[in-house]
Amino acid sequence: MIKMKIKHCLGMAAALVVACLMMSCSEKKQSNVIIAPKPVEHKPAAPVRMSEFKQSDDVKWLDKTYKVEVHRFVADSLPKVKDEQGNEYFDNLVRVRVLRADGSEFFNRVFSKKSFADYVDANTRDHGVLLGLVLDRAEGDNLYFGSSVGSPDKLSDEYIPLIVTISRMGDVSVKRDTQLDSVQPEEEEDI
């Protein structure tokens, strides 16, 4: 009787194995149901701020030593700009100060994107920010600065390079930089 029960159990086990094999080899029905995640509403991110930038250089100019200070800072008071993806950015202001050796002020002016509006296209005026302004060199009667207005996105390389010149009389002129890394003093316009 035990042998019959063992045979019966073995027979049932074999039948179970065969049934499992047959089920695993059979074609599975394809489902037409596509499961997609529910769209999540994204809250707009807070407006992005560029980091503050300060630079101070001692420059030999007009046979004297001057200190040139450049300070870029976020302009909370200016309208924010949006890029093509709808991301919002704060614009910047840049203060340029030129101090004589005795500490007295020769030049002090705050530049905004509006300072360069005549030198950039409409898209840059609407969607760009003042990216920066840095001292390039002192040469002859002028101090030369490189400046740019363009996309505030860190990953973007879209910007318009400009040359800002401050004369020995404190006059400011601007022109587009058509040759990066070289300054052409002709064709400047006073602003």
Protein backbone atom coordinates (compact mmCIF):
# COMPACT_ATOMS: atom_id res chain seq x y z
CA MET A 1 0.00 0.00 0.00
CA ILE A 2 2.87 2.40 0.72
CA LYS A 3 4.37 1.55 -2.66
CA MET A 4 1.05 2.44 -4.31
CA LYS A 5 0.89 5.74 -2.49
CA ILE A 6 4.50 6.53 -3.51
CA LYS A 7 3.74 5.61 -7.14
CA HIS A 8 0.58 7.66 -6.99
CA CYS A 9 2.51 10.65 -5.51
CA LEU A 10 5.26 10.25 -8.10
CA GLY A 11 2.65 10.06 -10.84
CA MET A 12 0.97 13.19 -9.60
CA ALA A 13 4.33 14.98 -9.26
CA ALA A 14 5.26 13.97 -12.81
CA ALA A 15 1.88 15.18 -14.08
CA LEU A 16 2.37 18.45 -12.23
CA VAL A 17 5.85 18.91 -13.75
CA VAL A 18 4.52 18.18 -17.25
CA ALA A 19 1.64 20.64 -16.71
CA CYS A 20 4.05 23.34 -15.54
CA LEU A 21 6.32 22.77 -18.53
CA MET A 22 3.40 22.98 -20.90
CA MET A 23 2.18 26.20 -19.32
CA SER A 24 5.61 27.82 -19.47
CA CYS A 25 6.06 26.89 -23.13
CA SER A 26 2.67 28.11 -24.24
CA GLU A 27 2.27 31.60 -25.74
CA LYS A 28 1.30 34.32 -23.35
CA LYS A 29 -1.47 36.65 -24.40
CA GLN A 30 -0.26 40.15 -25.17
CA SER A 31 -2.07 42.88 -23.33
CA ASN A 32 -3.12 46.05 -25.13
CA VAL A 33 -3.15 47.94 -21.86
CA ILE A 34 -0.35 50.47 -21.57
CA ILE A 35 0.41 51.66 -18.08
CA ALA A 36 1.77 55.19 -17.95
CA PRO A 37 2.53 57.25 -14.86
CA LYS A 38 0.08 59.96 -14.01
CA PRO A 39 1.40 63.37 -15.07
CA VAL A 40 2.72 65.36 -12.15
CA GLU A 41 2.15 69.09 -12.10
CA HIS A 42 5.46 70.91 -11.65
CA LYS A 43 5.40 74.05 -9.62
CA PRO A 44 7.47 76.77 -11.24
CA ALA A 45 10.91 76.95 -9.73
CA ALA A 46 11.94 80.07 -7.86
CA PRO A 47 13.70 82.63 -10.06
CA VAL A 48 17.38 81.82 -10.51
CA ARG A 49 20.03 84.23 -9.27
CA MET A 50 23.53 84.49 -10.67
CA SER A 51 26.22 84.59 -8.04
CA GLU A 52 27.64 87.89 -6.88
CA PHE A 53 31.01 88.82 -8.39
CA LYS A 54 33.59 91.32 -7.13
CA GLN A 55 36.94 92.11 -8.64
CA SER A 56 39.49 94.77 -7.77
CA ASP A 57 42.61 95.45 -9.86
CA ASP A 58 45.42 97.97 -9.54
CA VAL A 59 46.13 99.35 -13.00
CA LYS A 60 48.92 101.54 -14.30
CA TRP A 61 47.12 104.16 -16.40
CA LEU A 62 48.11 107.67 -17.49
CA ASP A 63 51.40 107.30 -15.57
CA LYS A 64 49.57 106.73 -12.31
CA THR A 65 48.14 103.76 -10.44
CA TYR A 66 44.36 103.43 -10.29
CA LYS A 67 42.20 100.88 -8.55
CA VAL A 68 39.41 99.48 -10.74
CA GLU A 69 36.55 97.82 -8.86
CA VAL A 70 33.87 95.80 -10.61
CA HIS A 71 30.90 94.46 -8.65
CA ARG A 72 28.11 92.39 -10.25
CA PHE A 73 25.02 91.86 -8.11
CA VAL A 74 21.44 90.68 -8.53
CA ALA A 75 18.89 93.39 -9.25
CA ASP A 76 15.72 92.46 -7.35
CA SER A 77 14.12 95.71 -8.50
CA LEU A 78 14.41 94.98 -12.23
CA PRO A 79 11.86 92.88 -14.12
CA LYS A 80 12.67 89.17 -14.20
CA VAL A 81 13.33 87.49 -17.55
CA LYS A 82 12.16 84.10 -18.83
CA ASP A 83 14.03 81.77 -21.14
CA GLU A 84 12.43 79.65 -23.89
CA GLN A 85 11.54 76.90 -21.36
CA GLY A 86 9.76 79.39 -19.10
CA ASN A 87 12.46 79.39 -16.39
CA GLU A 88 12.60 82.72 -14.59
CA TYR A 89 15.83 84.62 -13.85
CA PHE A 90 16.79 87.77 -12.00
CA ASP A 91 18.71 90.36 -13.98
CA ASN A 92 21.99 91.87 -12.77
CA LEU A 93 23.56 95.25 -12.27
CA VAL A 94 27.29 95.97 -12.48
CA ARG A 95 28.95 98.85 -10.63
CA VAL A 96 32.30 100.08 -11.96
CA ARG A 97 34.41 102.34 -9.80
CA VAL A 98 37.81 103.79 -10.70
CA LEU A 99 39.72 105.23 -7.75
CA ARG A 100 42.81 107.40 -7.83
CA ALA A 101 45.88 106.53 -5.74
CA ASP A 102 44.71 108.91 -2.98
CA GLY A 103 41.35 107.03 -2.80
CA SER A 104 39.30 109.76 -4.48
CA GLU A 105 36.77 108.62 -7.03
CA PHE A 106 37.47 109.24 -10.71
CA PHE A 107 34.54 107.17 -12.04
CA ASN A 108 31.46 105.51 -10.54
CA ARG A 109 28.60 104.12 -12.61
CA VAL A 110 26.06 101.32 -12.38
CA PHE A 111 25.38 99.50 -15.66
CA SER A 112 22.23 97.53 -16.42
CA LYS A 113 21.09 95.56 -19.44
CA LYS A 114 19.31 98.75 -20.52
CA SER A 115 22.74 100.46 -20.77
CA PHE A 116 23.43 98.17 -23.74
CA ALA A 117 19.94 98.03 -25.29
CA ASP A 118 21.09 99.73 -28.52
CA TYR A 119 23.76 97.06 -29.08
CA VAL A 120 21.73 93.86 -28.66
CA ASP A 121 18.84 92.33 -30.62
CA ALA A 122 15.22 92.28 -29.41
CA ASN A 123 15.36 88.65 -28.26
CA THR A 124 18.40 89.34 -26.09
CA ARG A 125 16.76 92.49 -24.69
CA ASP A 126 13.63 90.50 -23.78
CA HIS A 127 15.14 87.19 -22.61
CA GLY A 128 18.74 88.02 -21.70
CA VAL A 129 20.43 89.47 -18.65
CA LEU A 130 23.56 91.52 -18.06
CA LEU A 131 26.06 88.69 -17.59
CA GLY A 132 29.05 90.75 -16.56
CA LEU A 133 31.63 93.42 -17.15
CA VAL A 134 35.36 92.93 -16.55
CA LEU A 135 38.47 95.04 -16.98
CA ASP A 136 40.45 94.06 -20.07
CA ARG A 137 43.27 96.59 -20.12
CA ALA A 138 44.44 100.18 -19.79
CA GLU A 139 45.82 101.52 -23.03
CA GLY A 140 46.54 105.10 -24.05
CA ASP A 141 43.82 107.42 -22.80
CA ASN A 142 41.28 104.63 -22.21
CA LEU A 143 40.29 101.79 -19.93
CA TYR A 144 38.81 98.87 -21.88
CA PHE A 145 36.27 96.47 -20.43
CA GLY A 146 34.65 93.36 -21.85
CA SER A 147 30.95 93.00 -21.24
CA SER A 148 28.19 90.64 -22.31
CA VAL A 149 24.42 90.43 -22.39
CA GLY A 150 22.82 87.08 -23.04
CA SER A 151 21.11 83.95 -21.85
CA PRO A 152 21.18 83.54 -18.06
CA ASP A 153 21.21 79.74 -18.37
CA LYS A 154 24.61 78.44 -17.15
CA LEU A 155 24.66 75.82 -19.91
CA SER A 156 24.01 78.31 -22.70
CA ASP A 157 26.69 79.98 -24.76
CA GLU A 158 24.31 82.54 -26.28
CA TYR A 159 25.50 86.06 -25.54
CA ILE A 160 26.50 89.25 -27.27
CA PRO A 161 30.04 90.43 -26.46
CA LEU A 162 30.57 94.16 -26.06
CA ILE A 163 33.49 96.51 -25.53
CA VAL A 164 33.02 99.30 -22.99
CA THR A 165 35.56 102.11 -23.05
CA ILE A 166 36.07 104.72 -20.33
CA SER A 167 38.12 107.71 -21.47
CA ARG A 168 40.47 109.81 -19.38
CA MET A 169 37.62 112.37 -19.20
CA GLY A 170 35.21 109.77 -17.76
CA ASP A 171 33.19 109.42 -20.97
CA VAL A 172 31.76 105.98 -21.73
CA SER A 173 31.43 104.45 -25.17
CA VAL A 174 30.19 101.02 -26.21
CA LYS A 175 30.46 98.89 -29.30
CA ARG A 176 29.88 95.28 -30.24
CA ASP A 177 32.96 93.07 -30.05
CA THR A 178 33.19 91.57 -33.51
CA GLN A 179 36.60 90.03 -32.87
CA LEU A 180 36.71 88.21 -29.56
CA ASP A 181 39.92 88.75 -27.60
CA SER A 182 40.87 91.87 -29.53
CA VAL A 183 39.67 95.44 -29.16
CA GLN A 184 39.28 97.79 -32.10
CA PRO A 185 39.11 101.38 -30.80
CA GLU A 186 37.36 102.79 -33.92
CA GLU A 187 33.59 102.96 -34.38
CA GLU A 188 32.71 103.52 -30.72
CA GLU A 189 29.57 105.36 -29.72
CA ASP A 190 29.27 107.48 -26.59
CA ILE A 191 26.51 106.51 -24.18
